Amino acid sequence: MVTDPATGQIQPVVLVTDNGPAFKSIAFARFFAAHPELKHVRTRKKSPHTNGVRERAFGSLKYERLYREEIPDGSTLALEGRW
């Protein structure tokens, strides 16, 4: 959860995904129902621009966190991937 520094109000973390079947599944919905600190938003159907924006954001995140330094082995990669 993220706390607004001005008001102290707790805001949920929003996860934006496409409309793939994995994100429409009952198991995925149950996960979000069990975690009130998370909010799930799917992009509109047939909106490739929005999906492209999300993909670019994830690409930038990977570059910033994973590709700048050499990672010697899988266990170090697993540790770096937990952000």
PDB file of N, CA and C in Angstrom:
ATOM      1  N   MET A   1       0.836  -1.175   0.000  1.00  0.00           N
ATOM      2  CA  MET A   1       0.000   0.000   0.000  1.00  0.00           C
ATOM      3  C   MET A   1       0.875   1.231   0.000  1.00  0.00           C
ATOM      4  N   VAL A   2       0.314   2.281  -0.519  1.00  0.00           N
ATOM      5  CA  VAL A   2       1.025   3.546  -0.591  1.00  0.00           C
ATOM      6  C   VAL A   2       0.258   4.545   0.277  1.00  0.00           C
ATOM      7  N   THR A   3       0.976   5.253   1.105  1.00  0.00           N
ATOM      8  CA  THR A   3       0.352   6.260   1.957  1.00  0.00           C
ATOM      9  C   THR A   3       0.586   7.638   1.368  1.00  0.00           C
ATOM     10  N   ASP A   4      -0.472   8.409   1.225  1.00  0.00           N
ATOM     11  CA  ASP A   4      -0.372   9.773   0.731  1.00  0.00           C
ATOM     12  C   ASP A   4       0.311  10.611   1.798  1.00  0.00           C
ATOM     13  N   PRO A   5       1.465  11.237   1.482  1.00  0.00           N
ATOM     14  CA  PRO A   5       2.185  11.979   2.515  1.00  0.00           C
ATOM     15  C   PRO A   5       1.422  13.200   3.030  1.00  0.00           C
ATOM     16  N   ALA A   6       0.568  13.785   2.202  1.00  0.00           N
ATOM     17  CA  ALA A   6      -0.166  14.980   2.621  1.00  0.00           C
ATOM     18  C   ALA A   6      -1.317  14.652   3.562  1.00  0.00           C
ATOM     19  N   THR A   7      -2.054  13.587   3.258  1.00  0.00           N
ATOM     20  CA  THR A   7      -3.252  13.275   4.042  1.00  0.00           C
ATOM     21  C   THR A   7      -3.076  12.077   4.965  1.00  0.00           C
ATOM     22  N   GLY A   8      -2.089  11.241   4.689  1.00  0.00           N
ATOM     23  CA  GLY A   8      -1.909  10.017   5.470  1.00  0.00           C
ATOM     24  C   GLY A   8      -2.864   8.912   5.072  1.00  0.00           C
ATOM     25  N   GLN A   9      -3.666   9.177   4.045  1.00  0.00           N
ATOM     26  CA  GLN A   9      -4.640   8.187   3.580  1.00  0.00           C
ATOM     27  C   GLN A   9      -3.928   7.080   2.817  1.00  0.00           C
ATOM     28  N   ILE A  10      -4.356   5.842   3.047  1.00  0.00           N
ATOM     29  CA  ILE A  10      -3.754   4.692   2.385  1.00  0.00           C
ATOM     30  C   ILE A  10      -4.411   4.495   1.023  1.00  0.00           C
ATOM     31  N   GLN A  11      -3.582   4.404  -0.019  1.00  0.00           N
ATOM     32  CA  GLN A  11      -4.053   4.197  -1.387  1.00  0.00           C
ATOM     33  C   GLN A  11      -3.628   2.805  -1.850  1.00  0.00           C
ATOM     34  N   PRO A  12      -4.494   2.083  -2.538  1.00  0.00           N
ATOM     35  CA  PRO A  12      -4.093   0.764  -3.037  1.00  0.00           C
ATOM     36  C   PRO A  12      -3.098   0.891  -4.194  1.00  0.00           C
ATOM     37  N   VAL A  13      -2.308  -0.146  -4.378  1.00  0.00           N
ATOM     38  CA  VAL A  13      -1.404  -0.226  -5.516  1.00  0.00           C
ATOM     39  C   VAL A  13      -2.224  -0.748  -6.693  1.00  0.00           C
ATOM     40  N   VAL A  14      -2.173  -0.047  -7.820  1.00  0.00           N
ATOM     41  CA  VAL A  14      -2.989  -0.400  -8.977  1.00  0.00           C
ATOM     42  C   VAL A  14      -2.141  -1.171  -9.980  1.00  0.00           C
ATOM     43  N   LEU A  15      -2.640  -2.335 -10.383  1.00  0.00           N
ATOM     44  CA  LEU A  15      -1.990  -3.163 -11.396  1.00  0.00           C
ATOM     45  C   LEU A  15      -2.811  -3.055 -12.674  1.00  0.00           C
ATOM     46  N   VAL A  16      -2.190  -2.562 -13.749  1.00  0.00           N
ATOM     47  CA  VAL A  16      -2.870  -2.422 -15.035  1.00  0.00           C
ATOM     48  C   VAL A  16      -2.413  -3.556 -15.940  1.00  0.00           C
ATOM     49  N   THR A  17      -3.379  -4.323 -16.474  1.00  0.00           N
ATOM     50  CA  THR A  17      -3.056  -5.433 -17.366  1.00  0.00           C
ATOM     51  C   THR A  17      -3.915  -5.351 -18.622  1.00  0.00           C
ATOM     52  N   ASP A  18      -3.587  -6.198 -19.582  1.00  0.00           N
ATOM     53  CA  ASP A  18      -4.422  -6.288 -20.777  1.00  0.00           C
ATOM     54  C   ASP A  18      -5.605  -7.216 -20.483  1.00  0.00           C
ATOM     55  N   ASN A  19      -6.331  -7.610 -21.505  1.00  0.00           N
ATOM     56  CA  ASN A  19      -7.516  -8.435 -21.314  1.00  0.00           C
ATOM     57  C   ASN A  19      -7.255  -9.909 -21.593  1.00  0.00           C
ATOM     58  N   GLY A  20      -6.039 -10.352 -21.386  1.00  0.00           N
ATOM     59  CA  GLY A  20      -5.699 -11.746 -21.620  1.00  0.00           C
ATOM     60  C   GLY A  20      -6.462 -12.677 -20.692  1.00  0.00           C
ATOM     61  N   PRO A  21      -6.597 -13.941 -21.081  1.00  0.00           N
ATOM     62  CA  PRO A  21      -7.377 -14.892 -20.284  1.00  0.00           C
ATOM     63  C   PRO A  21      -6.823 -15.098 -18.879  1.00  0.00           C
ATOM     64  N   ALA A  22      -5.518 -14.963 -18.711  1.00  0.00           N
ATOM     65  CA  ALA A  22      -4.951 -15.142 -17.375  1.00  0.00           C
ATOM     66  C   ALA A  22      -5.442 -14.072 -16.410  1.00  0.00           C
ATOM     67  N   PHE A  23      -5.713 -12.874 -16.927  1.00  0.00           N
ATOM     68  CA  PHE A  23      -6.144 -11.770 -16.076  1.00  0.00           C
ATOM     69  C   PHE A  23      -7.657 -11.728 -15.890  1.00  0.00           C
ATOM     70  N   LYS A  24      -8.386 -12.618 -16.581  1.00  0.00           N
ATOM     71  CA  LYS A  24      -9.829 -12.715 -16.420  1.00  0.00           C
ATOM     72  C   LYS A  24     -10.226 -13.955 -15.622  1.00  0.00           C
ATOM     73  N   SER A  25      -9.257 -14.726 -15.195  1.00  0.00           N
ATOM     74  CA  SER A  25      -9.547 -15.999 -14.535  1.00  0.00           C
ATOM     75  C   SER A  25     -10.117 -15.804 -13.134  1.00  0.00           C
ATOM     76  N   ILE A  26     -10.799 -16.808 -12.662  1.00  0.00           N
ATOM     77  CA  ILE A  26     -11.378 -16.781 -11.314  1.00  0.00           C
ATOM     78  C   ILE A  26     -10.271 -16.766 -10.264  1.00  0.00           C
ATOM     79  N   ALA A  27      -9.205 -17.510 -10.516  1.00  0.00           N
ATOM     80  CA  ALA A  27      -8.095 -17.552  -9.553  1.00  0.00           C
ATOM     81  C   ALA A  27      -7.460 -16.176  -9.396  1.00  0.00           C
ATOM     82  N   PHE A  28      -7.321 -15.448 -10.495  1.00  0.00           N
ATOM     83  CA  PHE A  28      -6.748 -14.099 -10.447  1.00  0.00           C
ATOM     84  C   PHE A  28      -7.680 -13.165  -9.674  1.00  0.00           C
ATOM     85  N   ALA A  29      -8.989 -13.275  -9.924  1.00  0.00           N
ATOM     86  CA  ALA A  29      -9.968 -12.453  -9.206  1.00  0.00           C
ATOM     87  C   ALA A  29      -9.954 -12.764  -7.711  1.00  0.00           C
ATOM     88  N   ARG A  30      -9.811 -14.040  -7.363  1.00  0.00           N
ATOM     89  CA  ARG A  30      -9.742 -14.423  -5.947  1.00  0.00           C
ATOM     90  C   ARG A  30      -8.506 -13.828  -5.277  1.00  0.00           C
ATOM     91  N   PHE A  31      -7.401 -13.838  -6.007  1.00  0.00           N
ATOM     92  CA  PHE A  31      -6.167 -13.264  -5.458  1.00  0.00           C
ATOM     93  C   PHE A  31      -6.383 -11.804  -5.085  1.00  0.00           C
ATOM     94  N   PHE A  32      -6.985 -11.036  -5.995  1.00  0.00           N
ATOM     95  CA  PHE A  32      -7.210  -9.620  -5.713  1.00  0.00           C
ATOM     96  C   PHE A  32      -8.264  -9.422  -4.626  1.00  0.00           C
ATOM     97  N   ALA A  33      -9.236 -10.301  -4.545  1.00  0.00           N
ATOM     98  CA  ALA A  33     -10.237 -10.205  -3.484  1.00  0.00           C
ATOM     99  C   ALA A  33      -9.596 -10.440  -2.114  1.00  0.00           C
ATOM    100  N   ALA A  34      -8.572 -11.276  -2.073  1.00  0.00           N
ATOM    101  CA  ALA A  34      -7.891 -11.583  -0.816  1.00  0.00           C
ATOM    102  C   ALA A  34      -6.845 -10.539  -0.433  1.00  0.00           C
ATOM    103  N   HIS A  35      -6.531  -9.622  -1.346  1.00  0.00           N
ATOM    104  CA  HIS A  35      -5.513  -8.594  -1.096  1.00  0.00           C
ATOM    105  C   HIS A  35      -6.110  -7.202  -1.326  1.00  0.00           C
ATOM    106  N   PRO A  36      -6.741  -6.630  -0.311  1.00  0.00           N
ATOM    107  CA  PRO A  36      -7.381  -5.325  -0.489  1.00  0.00           C
ATOM    108  C   PRO A  36      -6.402  -4.191  -0.758  1.00  0.00           C
ATOM    109  N   GLU A  37      -5.120  -4.429  -0.529  1.00  0.00           N
ATOM    110  CA  GLU A  37      -4.130  -3.388  -0.798  1.00  0.00           C
ATOM    111  C   GLU A  37      -3.820  -3.266  -2.291  1.00  0.00           C
ATOM    112  N   LEU A  38      -4.360  -4.185  -3.093  1.00  0.00           N
ATOM    113  CA  LEU A  38      -4.148  -4.178  -4.538  1.00  0.00           C
ATOM    114  C   LEU A  38      -5.449  -3.873  -5.267  1.00  0.00           C
ATOM    115  N   LYS A  39      -5.318  -3.196  -6.395  1.00  0.00           N
ATOM    116  CA  LYS A  39      -6.479  -2.925  -7.250  1.00  0.00           C
ATOM    117  C   LYS A  39      -6.099  -3.315  -8.669  1.00  0.00           C
ATOM    118  N   HIS A  40      -6.985  -4.031  -9.356  1.00  0.00           N
ATOM    119  CA  HIS A  40      -6.710  -4.497 -10.710  1.00  0.00           C
ATOM    120  C   HIS A  40      -7.552  -3.711 -11.704  1.00  0.00           C
ATOM    121  N   VAL A  41      -6.889  -3.189 -12.737  1.00  0.00           N
ATOM    122  CA  VAL A  41      -7.571  -2.469 -13.813  1.00  0.00           C
ATOM    123  C   VAL A  41      -7.112  -3.081 -15.127  1.00  0.00           C
ATOM    124  N   ARG A  42      -8.066  -3.469 -15.966  1.00  0.00           N
ATOM    125  CA  ARG A  42      -7.727  -3.977 -17.294  1.00  0.00           C
ATOM    126  C   ARG A  42      -7.899  -2.861 -18.310  1.00  0.00           C
ATOM    127  N   THR A  43      -7.049  -2.870 -19.332  1.00  0.00           N
ATOM    128  CA  THR A  43      -7.182  -1.881 -20.395  1.00  0.00           C
ATOM    129  C   THR A  43      -8.424  -2.187 -21.224  1.00  0.00           C
ATOM    130  N   ARG A  44      -8.887  -1.193 -21.970  1.00  0.00           N
ATOM    131  CA  ARG A  44     -10.060  -1.403 -22.812  1.00  0.00           C
ATOM    132  C   ARG A  44      -9.742  -2.393 -23.920  1.00  0.00           C
ATOM    133  N   LYS A  45     -10.772  -3.057 -24.391  1.00  0.00           N
ATOM    134  CA  LYS A  45     -10.598  -3.980 -25.508  1.00  0.00           C
ATOM    135  C   LYS A  45     -10.182  -3.200 -26.743  1.00  0.00           C
ATOM    136  N   LYS A  46      -9.354  -3.849 -27.558  1.00  0.00           N
ATOM    137  CA  LYS A  46      -8.881  -3.280 -28.821  1.00  0.00           C
ATOM    138  C   LYS A  46      -8.226  -1.917 -28.627  1.00  0.00           C
ATOM    139  N   SER A  47      -7.372  -1.834 -27.619  1.00  0.00           N
ATOM    140  CA  SER A  47      -6.645  -0.589 -27.370  1.00  0.00           C
ATOM    141  C   SER A  47      -5.143  -0.873 -27.359  1.00  0.00           C
ATOM    142  N   PRO A  48      -4.569  -1.141 -28.519  1.00  0.00           N
ATOM    143  CA  PRO A  48      -3.152  -1.515 -28.552  1.00  0.00           C
ATOM    144  C   PRO A  48      -2.221  -0.407 -28.078  1.00  0.00           C
ATOM    145  N   HIS A  49      -2.636   0.838 -28.226  1.00  0.00           N
ATOM    146  CA  HIS A  49      -1.767   1.930 -27.767  1.00  0.00           C
ATOM    147  C   HIS A  49      -1.567   1.852 -26.253  1.00  0.00           C
ATOM    148  N   THR A  50      -2.650   1.630 -25.522  1.00  0.00           N
ATOM    149  CA  THR A  50      -2.548   1.538 -24.067  1.00  0.00           C
ATOM    150  C   THR A  50      -1.683   0.351 -23.674  1.00  0.00           C
ATOM    151  N   ASN A  51      -1.887  -0.775 -24.334  1.00  0.00           N
ATOM    152  CA  ASN A  51      -1.059  -1.946 -24.036  1.00  0.00           C
ATOM    153  C   ASN A  51       0.404  -1.666 -24.354  1.00  0.00           C
ATOM    154  N   GLY A  52       0.663  -0.944 -25.438  1.00  0.00           N
ATOM    155  CA  GLY A  52       2.041  -0.590 -25.793  1.00  0.00           C
ATOM    156  C   GLY A  52       2.688   0.297 -24.747  1.00  0.00           C
ATOM    157  N   VAL A  53       1.920   1.214 -24.203  1.00  0.00           N
ATOM    158  CA  VAL A  53       2.435   2.089 -23.152  1.00  0.00           C
ATOM    159  C   VAL A  53       2.830   1.253 -21.941  1.00  0.00           C
ATOM    160  N   ARG A  54       1.997   0.289 -21.564  1.00  0.00           N
ATOM    161  CA  ARG A  54       2.307  -0.569 -20.419  1.00  0.00           C
ATOM    162  C   ARG A  54       3.549  -1.421 -20.696  1.00  0.00           C
ATOM    163  N   GLU A  55       3.622  -1.985 -21.916  1.00  0.00           N
ATOM    164  CA  GLU A  55       4.785  -2.808 -22.266  1.00  0.00           C
ATOM    165  C   GLU A  55       6.064  -1.978 -22.211  1.00  0.00           C
ATOM    166  N   ARG A  56       6.002  -0.742 -22.687  1.00  0.00           N
ATOM    167  CA  ARG A  56       7.184   0.124 -22.658  1.00  0.00           C
ATOM    168  C   ARG A  56       7.587   0.436 -21.225  1.00  0.00           C
ATOM    169  N   ALA A  57       6.597   0.640 -20.355  1.00  0.00           N
ATOM    170  CA  ALA A  57       6.901   0.920 -18.950  1.00  0.00           C
ATOM    171  C   ALA A  57       7.598  -0.272 -18.303  1.00  0.00           C
ATOM    172  N   PHE A  58       7.102  -1.488 -18.592  1.00  0.00           N
ATOM    173  CA  PHE A  58       7.755  -2.673 -18.049  1.00  0.00           C
ATOM    174  C   PHE A  58       9.156  -2.841 -18.620  1.00  0.00           C
ATOM    175  N   GLY A  59       9.332  -2.520 -19.901  1.00  0.00           N
ATOM    176  CA  GLY A  59      10.659  -2.590 -20.509  1.00  0.00           C
ATOM    177  C   GLY A  59      11.633  -1.631 -19.840  1.00  0.00           C
ATOM    178  N   SER A  60      11.168  -0.424 -19.556  1.00  0.00           N
ATOM    179  CA  SER A  60      12.019   0.559 -18.875  1.00  0.00           C
ATOM    180  C   SER A  60      12.363   0.090 -17.468  1.00  0.00           C
ATOM    181  N   LEU A  61      11.382  -0.483 -16.792  1.00  0.00           N
ATOM    182  CA  LEU A  61      11.618  -0.985 -15.448  1.00  0.00           C
ATOM    183  C   LEU A  61      12.664  -2.097 -15.463  1.00  0.00           C
ATOM    184  N   LYS A  62      12.547  -3.011 -16.418  1.00  0.00           N
ATOM    185  CA  LYS A  62      13.547  -4.084 -16.534  1.00  0.00           C
ATOM    186  C   LYS A  62      14.925  -3.511 -16.799  1.00  0.00           C
ATOM    187  N   TYR A  63      15.005  -2.537 -17.696  1.00  0.00           N
ATOM    188  CA  TYR A  63      16.303  -1.945 -18.010  1.00  0.00           C
ATOM    189  C   TYR A  63      16.908  -1.314 -16.758  1.00  0.00           C
ATOM    190  N   GLU A  64      16.106  -0.549 -16.036  1.00  0.00           N
ATOM    191  CA  GLU A  64      16.608   0.140 -14.851  1.00  0.00           C
ATOM    192  C   GLU A  64      17.048  -0.839 -13.759  1.00  0.00           C
ATOM    193  N   ARG A  65      16.320  -1.934 -13.595  1.00  0.00           N
ATOM    194  CA  ARG A  65      16.596  -2.840 -12.494  1.00  0.00           C
ATOM    195  C   ARG A  65      17.466  -4.045 -12.849  1.00  0.00           C
ATOM    196  N   LEU A  66      17.395  -4.527 -14.088  1.00  0.00           N
ATOM    197  CA  LEU A  66      18.066  -5.788 -14.385  1.00  0.00           C
ATOM    198  C   LEU A  66      19.208  -5.686 -15.387  1.00  0.00           C
ATOM    199  N   TYR A  67      19.134  -4.784 -16.335  1.00  0.00           N
ATOM    200  CA  TYR A  67      20.084  -4.808 -17.437  1.00  0.00           C
ATOM    201  C   TYR A  67      21.289  -3.891 -17.257  1.00  0.00           C
ATOM    202  N   ARG A  68      21.320  -3.082 -16.244  1.00  0.00           N
ATOM    203  CA  ARG A  68      22.432  -2.142 -16.088  1.00  0.00           C
ATOM    204  C   ARG A  68      23.695  -2.787 -15.538  1.00  0.00           C
ATOM    205  N   GLU A  69      23.529  -3.813 -14.725  1.00  0.00           N
ATOM    206  CA  GLU A  69      24.687  -4.487 -14.144  1.00  0.00           C
ATOM    207  C   GLU A  69      24.659  -5.953 -14.533  1.00  0.00           C
ATOM    208  N   GLU A  70      25.822  -6.548 -14.608  1.00  0.00           N
ATOM    209  CA  GLU A  70      25.884  -7.970 -14.914  1.00  0.00           C
ATOM    210  C   GLU A  70      25.430  -8.768 -13.695  1.00  0.00           C
ATOM    211  N   ILE A  71      24.543  -9.711 -13.916  1.00  0.00           N
ATOM    212  CA  ILE A  71      24.036 -10.560 -12.845  1.00  0.00           C
ATOM    213  C   ILE A  71      24.670 -11.936 -13.032  1.00  0.00           C
ATOM    214  N   PRO A  72      25.476 -12.380 -12.073  1.00  0.00           N
ATOM    215  CA  PRO A  72      26.306 -13.562 -12.279  1.00  0.00           C
ATOM    216  C   PRO A  72      25.586 -14.910 -12.303  1.00  0.00           C
ATOM    217  N   ASP A  73      24.464 -15.047 -11.574  1.00  0.00           N
ATOM    218  CA  ASP A  73      23.817 -16.362 -11.511  1.00  0.00           C
ATOM    219  C   ASP A  73      22.315 -16.211 -11.250  1.00  0.00           C
ATOM    220  N   GLY A  74      21.613 -17.339 -11.283  1.00  0.00           N
ATOM    221  CA  GLY A  74      20.166 -17.344 -11.139  1.00  0.00           C
ATOM    222  C   GLY A  74      19.670 -16.885  -9.789  1.00  0.00           C
ATOM    223  N   SER A  75      20.382 -17.226  -8.728  1.00  0.00           N
ATOM    224  CA  SER A  75      19.911 -16.822  -7.399  1.00  0.00           C
ATOM    225  C   SER A  75      20.020 -15.310  -7.214  1.00  0.00           C
ATOM    226  N   THR A  76      21.059 -14.714  -7.775  1.00  0.00           N
ATOM    227  CA  THR A  76      21.188 -13.254  -7.728  1.00  0.00           C
ATOM    228  C   THR A  76      20.101 -12.602  -8.566  1.00  0.00           C
ATOM    229  N   LEU A  77      19.784 -13.203  -9.708  1.00  0.00           N
ATOM    230  CA  LEU A  77      18.710 -12.696 -10.557  1.00  0.00           C
ATOM    231  C   LEU A  77      17.375 -12.735  -9.818  1.00  0.00           C
ATOM    232  N   ALA A  78      17.128 -13.814  -9.095  1.00  0.00           N
ATOM    233  CA  ALA A  78      15.886 -13.933  -8.334  1.00  0.00           C
ATOM    234  C   ALA A  78      15.801 -12.845  -7.267  1.00  0.00           C
ATOM    235  N   LEU A  79      16.922 -12.554  -6.623  1.00  0.00           N
ATOM    236  CA  LEU A  79      16.940 -11.486  -5.624  1.00  0.00           C
ATOM    237  C   LEU A  79      16.704 -10.123  -6.269  1.00  0.00           C
ATOM    238  N   GLU A  80      17.299  -9.887  -7.416  1.00  0.00           N
ATOM    239  CA  GLU A  80      17.124  -8.612  -8.126  1.00  0.00           C
ATOM    240  C   GLU A  80      15.711  -8.457  -8.662  1.00  0.00           C
ATOM    241  N   GLY A  81      15.059  -9.570  -8.978  1.00  0.00           N
ATOM    242  CA  GLY A  81      13.717  -9.515  -9.552  1.00  0.00           C
ATOM    243  C   GLY A  81      12.627  -9.208  -8.545  1.00  0.00           C
ATOM    244  N   ARG A  82      12.954  -9.201  -7.263  1.00  0.00           N
ATOM    245  CA  ARG A  82      11.930  -8.943  -6.224  1.00  0.00           C
ATOM    246  C   ARG A  82      11.904  -7.460  -5.871  1.00  0.00           C
ATOM    247  N   TRP A  83      11.289  -6.664  -6.713  1.00  0.00           N
ATOM    248  CA  TRP A  83      11.130  -5.254  -6.426  1.00  0.00           C
ATOM    249  C   TRP A  83       9.737  -4.932  -6.559  1.00  0.00           C
TER     250      TRP A  83
END
